């Protein structure tokens, strides 16, 4: 028989996990590890989705020609999509981090390095999203790209 946790809803279990203060140093470390992973996941996932879904939606609705007819070079279009996707990803990561800081204290030993890796991750996943958006013809193909 499977242990269902304190509540039947996993979101309620997660909320109790954050609200209940840690009793040992190991529990506090586990929460710091979990929050860092949630922030990075939110940042990278949103960067990828923003770029990929923007291009794919325009292709599916026939509006991609409006973007392609603008007097921009391919590099300028790529930079535009990448900066937009990275900005949305960084903003999402910042919101998740701010909400998490209400429950968990995180150490920040090297802020410039943290910002570098956050920006680099958002840019790289934004570029991957552009590739996926160009390749995919339907949202099903985009989902397959994300899963594999």
N, C-alpha and C. Protein backbone atom coordinates (compact mmCIF):
# COMPACT_ATOMS: atom_id res chain seq x y z
N UNK A 1 0.85 -1.18 0.00
CA UNK A 1 0.00 0.00 0.00
C UNK A 1 0.89 1.24 0.00
N UNK A 2 0.57 2.16 -0.86
CA UNK A 2 1.37 3.36 -1.03
C UNK A 2 1.05 4.37 0.05
N UNK A 3 2.11 5.00 0.58
CA UNK A 3 1.92 6.06 1.56
C UNK A 3 1.46 7.32 0.84
N UNK A 4 0.31 7.82 1.17
CA UNK A 4 -0.26 8.97 0.48
C UNK A 4 0.23 10.29 1.04
N UNK A 5 1.09 10.27 2.04
CA UNK A 5 1.56 11.51 2.63
C UNK A 5 0.55 12.03 3.64
N UNK A 6 0.76 13.23 4.10
CA UNK A 6 -0.12 13.82 5.09
C UNK A 6 -1.49 14.11 4.49
N UNK A 7 -1.52 14.61 3.27
CA UNK A 7 -2.77 14.92 2.58
C UNK A 7 -2.84 14.12 1.29
N UNK A 8 -3.99 14.09 0.69
CA UNK A 8 -4.14 13.40 -0.60
C UNK A 8 -3.55 14.23 -1.75
N UNK A 9 -3.55 15.54 -1.61
CA UNK A 9 -3.08 16.44 -2.66
C UNK A 9 -1.58 16.70 -2.48
N UNK A 10 -0.75 16.40 -3.48
CA UNK A 10 0.69 16.62 -3.34
C UNK A 10 1.05 18.09 -3.16
N UNK A 11 0.22 19.00 -3.68
CA UNK A 11 0.52 20.43 -3.48
C UNK A 11 0.39 20.80 -2.01
N UNK A 12 -0.57 20.21 -1.32
CA UNK A 12 -0.72 20.47 0.11
C UNK A 12 0.48 19.92 0.88
N UNK A 13 0.96 18.74 0.49
CA UNK A 13 2.16 18.19 1.11
C UNK A 13 3.36 19.11 0.91
N UNK A 14 3.49 19.66 -0.31
CA UNK A 14 4.61 20.56 -0.59
C UNK A 14 4.51 21.83 0.25
N UNK A 15 3.30 22.34 0.41
CA UNK A 15 3.11 23.54 1.22
C UNK A 15 3.47 23.27 2.68
N UNK A 16 3.05 22.13 3.20
CA UNK A 16 3.41 21.77 4.57
C UNK A 16 4.92 21.61 4.69
N UNK A 17 5.54 21.07 3.66
CA UNK A 17 7.00 20.90 3.65
C UNK A 17 7.70 22.24 3.80
N UNK A 18 7.20 23.28 3.16
CA UNK A 18 7.83 24.59 3.25
C UNK A 18 7.46 25.33 4.53
N UNK A 19 6.23 25.19 4.99
CA UNK A 19 5.78 25.95 6.16
C UNK A 19 6.34 25.36 7.45
N UNK A 20 6.41 24.02 7.53
CA UNK A 20 6.91 23.36 8.73
C UNK A 20 8.40 23.67 8.88
N UNK A 21 8.83 24.29 9.97
CA UNK A 21 10.24 24.65 10.10
C UNK A 21 11.12 23.40 10.22
N UNK A 22 12.31 23.44 9.61
CA UNK A 22 13.19 22.28 9.70
C UNK A 22 13.68 22.08 11.13
N UNK A 23 13.77 20.84 11.54
CA UNK A 23 14.20 20.54 12.91
C UNK A 23 15.67 20.17 12.98
N UNK A 24 16.27 19.80 11.86
CA UNK A 24 17.68 19.45 11.85
C UNK A 24 18.39 20.22 10.75
N UNK A 25 19.71 20.21 10.82
CA UNK A 25 20.50 20.89 9.80
C UNK A 25 20.36 20.21 8.44
N UNK A 26 20.17 18.89 8.46
CA UNK A 26 20.01 18.15 7.21
C UNK A 26 18.72 18.54 6.52
N UNK A 27 17.63 18.70 7.27
CA UNK A 27 16.37 19.11 6.67
C UNK A 27 16.49 20.51 6.07
N UNK A 28 17.19 21.42 6.72
CA UNK A 28 17.37 22.76 6.18
C UNK A 28 18.17 22.71 4.89
N UNK A 29 19.21 21.88 4.84
CA UNK A 29 20.00 21.74 3.62
C UNK A 29 19.16 21.15 2.50
N UNK A 30 18.33 20.17 2.80
CA UNK A 30 17.46 19.58 1.78
C UNK A 30 16.54 20.62 1.16
N UNK A 31 16.03 21.50 1.97
CA UNK A 31 15.13 22.54 1.46
C UNK A 31 15.88 23.55 0.59
N UNK A 32 17.09 23.88 0.98
CA UNK A 32 17.90 24.79 0.16
C UNK A 32 18.18 24.15 -1.20
N UNK A 33 18.49 22.88 -1.19
CA UNK A 33 18.76 22.15 -2.43
C UNK A 33 17.52 22.11 -3.31
N UNK A 34 16.37 21.87 -2.71
CA UNK A 34 15.11 21.80 -3.44
C UNK A 34 14.76 23.15 -4.06
N UNK A 35 14.89 24.23 -3.29
CA UNK A 35 14.54 25.56 -3.79
C UNK A 35 15.45 25.95 -4.95
N UNK A 36 16.73 25.69 -4.83
CA UNK A 36 17.65 26.03 -5.92
C UNK A 36 17.26 25.29 -7.20
N UNK A 37 16.89 24.03 -7.08
CA UNK A 37 16.46 23.27 -8.25
C UNK A 37 15.17 23.80 -8.85
N UNK A 38 14.23 24.19 -8.01
CA UNK A 38 12.96 24.74 -8.51
C UNK A 38 13.18 26.05 -9.25
N UNK A 39 14.06 26.89 -8.74
CA UNK A 39 14.34 28.17 -9.39
C UNK A 39 14.99 27.95 -10.75
N UNK A 40 15.98 27.07 -10.81
CA UNK A 40 16.66 26.80 -12.08
C UNK A 40 15.71 26.15 -13.08
N UNK A 41 14.88 25.24 -12.61
CA UNK A 41 13.92 24.60 -13.50
C UNK A 41 12.95 25.63 -14.07
N UNK A 42 12.41 26.49 -13.23
CA UNK A 42 11.46 27.52 -13.70
C UNK A 42 12.13 28.44 -14.71
N UNK A 43 13.35 28.85 -14.43
CA UNK A 43 14.08 29.76 -15.31
C UNK A 43 14.31 29.11 -16.67
N UNK A 44 14.86 27.91 -16.68
CA UNK A 44 15.20 27.25 -17.95
C UNK A 44 13.97 26.84 -18.74
N UNK A 45 12.97 26.31 -18.05
CA UNK A 45 11.76 25.87 -18.74
C UNK A 45 11.03 27.04 -19.39
N UNK A 46 10.95 28.15 -18.70
CA UNK A 46 10.26 29.31 -19.26
C UNK A 46 11.04 29.93 -20.42
N UNK A 47 12.36 29.93 -20.34
CA UNK A 47 13.18 30.45 -21.45
C UNK A 47 12.95 29.61 -22.70
N UNK A 48 12.99 28.29 -22.55
CA UNK A 48 12.78 27.41 -23.69
C UNK A 48 11.38 27.59 -24.27
N UNK A 49 10.38 27.53 -23.41
CA UNK A 49 8.99 27.62 -23.87
C UNK A 49 8.68 28.94 -24.55
N UNK A 50 9.20 30.03 -24.04
CA UNK A 50 8.90 31.33 -24.62
C UNK A 50 9.38 31.41 -26.06
N UNK A 51 10.61 31.00 -26.30
CA UNK A 51 11.15 31.07 -27.66
C UNK A 51 10.45 30.07 -28.58
N UNK A 52 10.33 28.83 -28.13
CA UNK A 52 9.78 27.78 -28.98
C UNK A 52 8.31 28.03 -29.32
N UNK A 53 7.52 28.34 -28.31
CA UNK A 53 6.09 28.50 -28.55
C UNK A 53 5.78 29.78 -29.34
N UNK A 54 6.59 30.80 -29.17
CA UNK A 54 6.39 32.02 -29.95
C UNK A 54 6.57 31.75 -31.43
N UNK A 55 7.64 31.08 -31.78
CA UNK A 55 7.89 30.77 -33.19
C UNK A 55 6.87 29.77 -33.72
N UNK A 56 6.60 28.72 -32.95
CA UNK A 56 5.67 27.70 -33.41
C UNK A 56 4.26 28.25 -33.58
N UNK A 57 3.81 29.09 -32.67
CA UNK A 57 2.48 29.67 -32.78
C UNK A 57 2.39 30.55 -34.04
N UNK A 58 3.42 31.35 -34.26
CA UNK A 58 3.42 32.19 -35.46
C UNK A 58 3.39 31.33 -36.72
N UNK A 59 4.11 30.23 -36.74
CA UNK A 59 4.10 29.33 -37.90
C UNK A 59 2.72 28.71 -38.10
N UNK A 60 2.12 28.24 -37.02
CA UNK A 60 0.84 27.56 -37.15
C UNK A 60 -0.29 28.51 -37.56
N UNK A 61 -0.22 29.75 -37.14
CA UNK A 61 -1.27 30.72 -37.46
C UNK A 61 -0.98 31.50 -38.74
N UNK A 62 0.15 31.25 -39.36
CA UNK A 62 0.51 31.95 -40.59
C UNK A 62 1.01 33.36 -40.39
N UNK A 63 1.38 33.69 -39.17
CA UNK A 63 1.86 35.05 -38.89
C UNK A 63 3.38 35.15 -38.94
N UNK A 64 4.07 34.07 -39.21
CA UNK A 64 5.53 34.09 -39.24
C UNK A 64 6.04 34.99 -40.36
N UNK A 65 5.22 35.17 -41.40
CA UNK A 65 5.65 36.01 -42.51
C UNK A 65 5.80 37.46 -42.09
N UNK A 66 5.01 37.89 -41.12
CA UNK A 66 5.17 39.25 -40.62
C UNK A 66 6.54 39.45 -40.00
N UNK A 67 7.03 38.44 -39.31
CA UNK A 67 8.36 38.51 -38.71
C UNK A 67 9.44 38.40 -39.77
N UNK A 68 9.24 37.50 -40.72
CA UNK A 68 10.26 37.28 -41.74
C UNK A 68 10.37 38.43 -42.73
N UNK A 69 9.32 39.20 -42.93
CA UNK A 69 9.35 40.32 -43.89
C UNK A 69 9.97 41.58 -43.31
N UNK A 70 10.17 41.62 -42.03
CA UNK A 70 10.80 42.79 -41.41
C UNK A 70 12.25 42.91 -41.90
N UNK A 71 12.73 44.13 -42.05
CA UNK A 71 14.11 44.31 -42.56
C UNK A 71 15.16 44.01 -41.48
N UNK A 72 15.21 42.76 -41.05
CA UNK A 72 16.17 42.33 -40.05
C UNK A 72 16.98 41.18 -40.60
N UNK A 73 18.22 41.11 -40.17
CA UNK A 73 19.05 39.97 -40.56
C UNK A 73 18.67 38.77 -39.69
N UNK A 74 19.02 37.57 -40.11
CA UNK A 74 18.74 36.40 -39.26
C UNK A 74 19.39 36.50 -37.88
N UNK A 75 20.57 37.10 -37.81
CA UNK A 75 21.23 37.27 -36.52
C UNK A 75 20.42 38.19 -35.61
N UNK A 76 19.89 39.27 -36.17
CA UNK A 76 19.08 40.20 -35.37
C UNK A 76 17.80 39.54 -34.87
N UNK A 77 17.18 38.72 -35.71
CA UNK A 77 15.98 37.99 -35.27
C UNK A 77 16.32 37.02 -34.15
N UNK A 78 17.42 36.31 -34.33
CA UNK A 78 17.85 35.35 -33.31
C UNK A 78 18.13 36.04 -31.99
N UNK A 79 18.83 37.16 -32.06
CA UNK A 79 19.13 37.92 -30.83
C UNK A 79 17.84 38.40 -30.18
N UNK A 80 16.90 38.87 -30.98
CA UNK A 80 15.63 39.34 -30.44
C UNK A 80 14.85 38.24 -29.72
N UNK A 81 14.72 37.09 -30.37
CA UNK A 81 14.02 35.97 -29.73
C UNK A 81 14.76 35.50 -28.48
N UNK A 82 16.09 35.45 -28.56
CA UNK A 82 16.88 34.97 -27.42
C UNK A 82 16.79 35.91 -26.24
N UNK A 83 16.93 37.20 -26.48
CA UNK A 83 16.86 38.17 -25.38
C UNK A 83 15.46 38.17 -24.76
N UNK A 84 14.44 38.08 -25.59
CA UNK A 84 13.07 38.02 -25.06
C UNK A 84 12.85 36.78 -24.21
N UNK A 85 13.29 35.64 -24.71
CA UNK A 85 13.11 34.39 -23.96
C UNK A 85 13.92 34.40 -22.67
N UNK A 86 15.17 34.88 -22.74
CA UNK A 86 16.00 34.92 -21.54
C UNK A 86 15.42 35.89 -20.51
N UNK A 87 14.88 37.00 -20.95
CA UNK A 87 14.29 37.97 -20.02
C UNK A 87 13.10 37.37 -19.28
N UNK A 88 12.24 36.70 -20.02
CA UNK A 88 11.07 36.07 -19.38
C UNK A 88 11.52 34.97 -18.43
N UNK A 89 12.52 34.19 -18.83
CA UNK A 89 13.02 33.14 -17.96
C UNK A 89 13.64 33.68 -16.69
N UNK A 90 14.44 34.74 -16.81
CA UNK A 90 15.06 35.35 -15.63
C UNK A 90 14.02 35.96 -14.70
N UNK A 91 13.01 36.59 -15.28
CA UNK A 91 11.95 37.16 -14.46
C UNK A 91 11.18 36.07 -13.72
N UNK A 92 10.89 34.97 -14.41
CA UNK A 92 10.19 33.86 -13.76
C UNK A 92 11.03 33.26 -12.64
N UNK A 93 12.32 33.08 -12.90
CA UNK A 93 13.21 32.57 -11.87
C UNK A 93 13.28 33.49 -10.66
N UNK A 94 13.29 34.81 -10.91
CA UNK A 94 13.33 35.77 -9.81
C UNK A 94 12.06 35.72 -8.97
N UNK A 95 10.91 35.55 -9.62
CA UNK A 95 9.65 35.47 -8.88
C UNK A 95 9.61 34.19 -8.04
N UNK A 96 10.04 33.08 -8.61
CA UNK A 96 10.05 31.82 -7.85
C UNK A 96 11.02 31.94 -6.68
N UNK A 97 12.17 32.56 -6.91
CA UNK A 97 13.15 32.74 -5.83
C UNK A 97 12.60 33.64 -4.73
N UNK A 98 11.94 34.73 -5.11
CA UNK A 98 11.37 35.63 -4.11
C UNK A 98 10.30 34.93 -3.28
N UNK A 99 9.46 34.14 -3.93
CA UNK A 99 8.43 33.41 -3.19
C UNK A 99 9.05 32.36 -2.28
N UNK A 100 10.11 31.73 -2.73
CA UNK A 100 10.76 30.69 -1.92
C UNK A 100 11.50 31.27 -0.72
N UNK A 101 12.00 32.48 -0.85
CA UNK A 101 12.74 33.10 0.25
C UNK A 101 11.84 33.40 1.44
N UNK A 102 10.54 33.38 1.24
CA UNK A 102 9.62 33.55 2.36
C UNK A 102 9.68 32.35 3.30
N UNK A 103 10.09 31.19 2.78
CA UNK A 103 10.07 29.96 3.55
C UNK A 103 11.45 29.39 3.85
N UNK A 104 12.42 29.66 2.99
CA UNK A 104 13.74 29.04 3.12
C UNK A 104 14.83 30.10 2.99
N UNK A 105 15.79 30.06 3.90
CA UNK A 105 16.94 30.96 3.80
C UNK A 105 18.00 30.30 2.93
N UNK A 106 18.42 31.00 1.90
CA UNK A 106 19.41 30.46 0.98
C UNK A 106 20.74 31.18 1.15
N UNK A 107 21.83 30.43 1.20
CA UNK A 107 23.13 31.09 1.20
C UNK A 107 23.46 31.56 -0.22
N UNK A 108 24.14 32.67 -0.32
CA UNK A 108 24.54 33.20 -1.62
C UNK A 108 26.03 33.53 -1.56
N UNK A 109 26.89 32.53 -1.73
CA UNK A 109 28.32 32.77 -1.56
C UNK A 109 28.95 33.62 -2.66
N UNK A 110 28.45 33.53 -3.90
CA UNK A 110 29.07 34.25 -5.00
C UNK A 110 27.98 34.75 -5.96
N UNK A 111 27.50 35.95 -5.72
CA UNK A 111 26.40 36.51 -6.51
C UNK A 111 26.76 36.68 -8.00
N UNK A 112 27.94 37.24 -8.35
CA UNK A 112 28.25 37.37 -9.78
C UNK A 112 28.26 36.03 -10.52
N UNK A 113 28.77 35.00 -9.89
CA UNK A 113 28.79 33.68 -10.53
C UNK A 113 27.37 33.13 -10.67
N UNK A 114 26.55 33.35 -9.67
CA UNK A 114 25.15 32.93 -9.73
C UNK A 114 24.43 33.62 -10.89
N UNK A 115 24.62 34.92 -11.03
CA UNK A 115 23.99 35.66 -12.12
C UNK A 115 24.52 35.21 -13.49
N UNK A 116 25.82 34.94 -13.56
CA UNK A 116 26.39 34.47 -14.82
C UNK A 116 25.73 33.17 -15.27
N UNK A 117 25.64 32.21 -14.36
CA UNK A 117 25.06 30.92 -14.73
C UNK A 117 23.55 31.02 -14.99
N UNK A 118 22.86 31.90 -14.30
CA UNK A 118 21.43 32.10 -14.55
C UNK A 118 21.23 32.68 -15.96
N UNK A 119 22.01 33.70 -16.30
CA UNK A 119 21.88 34.31 -17.62
C UNK A 119 22.32 33.34 -18.71
N UNK A 120 23.43 32.64 -18.48
CA UNK A 120 23.92 31.69 -19.48
C UNK A 120 22.90 30.57 -19.71
N UNK A 121 22.32 30.05 -18.64
CA UNK A 121 21.31 29.00 -18.79
C UNK A 121 20.09 29.48 -19.52
N UNK A 122 19.64 30.70 -19.22
CA UNK A 122 18.47 31.25 -19.90
C UNK A 122 18.75 31.46 -21.39
N UNK A 123 19.93 31.95 -21.71
CA UNK A 123 20.28 32.19 -23.12
C UNK A 123 20.40 30.87 -23.88
N UNK A 124 21.08 29.90 -23.29
CA UNK A 124 21.26 28.61 -23.98
C UNK A 124 19.92 27.92 -24.20
N UNK A 125 19.06 27.91 -23.19
CA UNK A 125 17.75 27.27 -23.36
C UNK A 125 16.86 28.09 -24.30
N UNK A 126 17.03 29.40 -24.34
CA UNK A 126 16.30 30.21 -25.32
C UNK A 126 16.72 29.87 -26.74
N UNK A 127 18.03 29.67 -26.95
CA UNK A 127 18.52 29.26 -28.27
C UNK A 127 18.02 27.87 -28.65
N UNK A 128 17.99 26.96 -27.69
CA UNK A 128 17.43 25.63 -27.95
C UNK A 128 15.94 25.73 -28.28
N UNK A 129 15.24 26.64 -27.63
CA UNK A 129 13.83 26.85 -27.94
C UNK A 129 13.62 27.37 -29.35
N UNK A 130 14.52 28.23 -29.81
CA UNK A 130 14.43 28.71 -31.19
C UNK A 130 14.60 27.55 -32.16
N UNK A 131 15.58 26.70 -31.90
CA UNK A 131 15.79 25.53 -32.77
C UNK A 131 14.56 24.64 -32.76
N UNK A 132 14.01 24.38 -31.59
CA UNK A 132 12.82 23.52 -31.49
C UNK A 132 11.62 24.16 -32.19
N UNK A 133 11.45 25.47 -32.04
CA UNK A 133 10.33 26.15 -32.68
C UNK A 133 10.43 26.14 -34.20
N UNK A 134 11.65 26.25 -34.72
CA UNK A 134 11.84 26.19 -36.17
C UNK A 134 11.60 24.77 -36.69
N UNK A 135 12.07 23.77 -35.94
CA UNK A 135 11.95 22.39 -36.37
C UNK A 135 10.52 21.87 -36.29
N UNK A 136 9.83 22.17 -35.21
CA UNK A 136 8.51 21.58 -34.97
C UNK A 136 7.46 22.18 -35.91
N UNK A 137 6.54 21.32 -36.33
CA UNK A 137 5.41 21.78 -37.14
C UNK A 137 4.12 21.79 -36.34
N UNK A 138 4.08 21.04 -35.24
CA UNK A 138 2.91 20.98 -34.36
C UNK A 138 3.40 20.99 -32.93
N UNK A 139 2.49 21.26 -32.01
CA UNK A 139 2.85 21.28 -30.60
C UNK A 139 3.24 19.88 -30.11
N UNK A 140 2.74 18.83 -30.76
CA UNK A 140 3.12 17.47 -30.39
C UNK A 140 4.62 17.25 -30.65
N UNK A 141 5.11 17.77 -31.75
CA UNK A 141 6.54 17.64 -32.05
C UNK A 141 7.38 18.45 -31.07
N UNK A 142 6.86 19.59 -30.67
CA UNK A 142 7.58 20.39 -29.68
C UNK A 142 7.65 19.66 -28.34
N UNK A 143 6.56 19.00 -27.97
CA UNK A 143 6.56 18.22 -26.73
C UNK A 143 7.55 17.06 -26.82
N UNK A 144 7.64 16.44 -27.98
CA UNK A 144 8.62 15.36 -28.15
C UNK A 144 10.04 15.90 -28.04
N UNK A 145 10.28 17.08 -28.55
CA UNK A 145 11.61 17.69 -28.45
C UNK A 145 11.95 17.96 -26.99
N UNK A 146 10.99 18.42 -26.23
CA UNK A 146 11.23 18.70 -24.81
C UNK A 146 11.47 17.43 -24.01
N UNK A 147 10.80 16.35 -24.36
CA UNK A 147 10.93 15.12 -23.60
C UNK A 147 12.20 14.34 -23.92
N UNK A 148 12.73 14.53 -25.13
CA UNK A 148 13.90 13.76 -25.50
C UNK A 148 15.04 14.68 -25.82
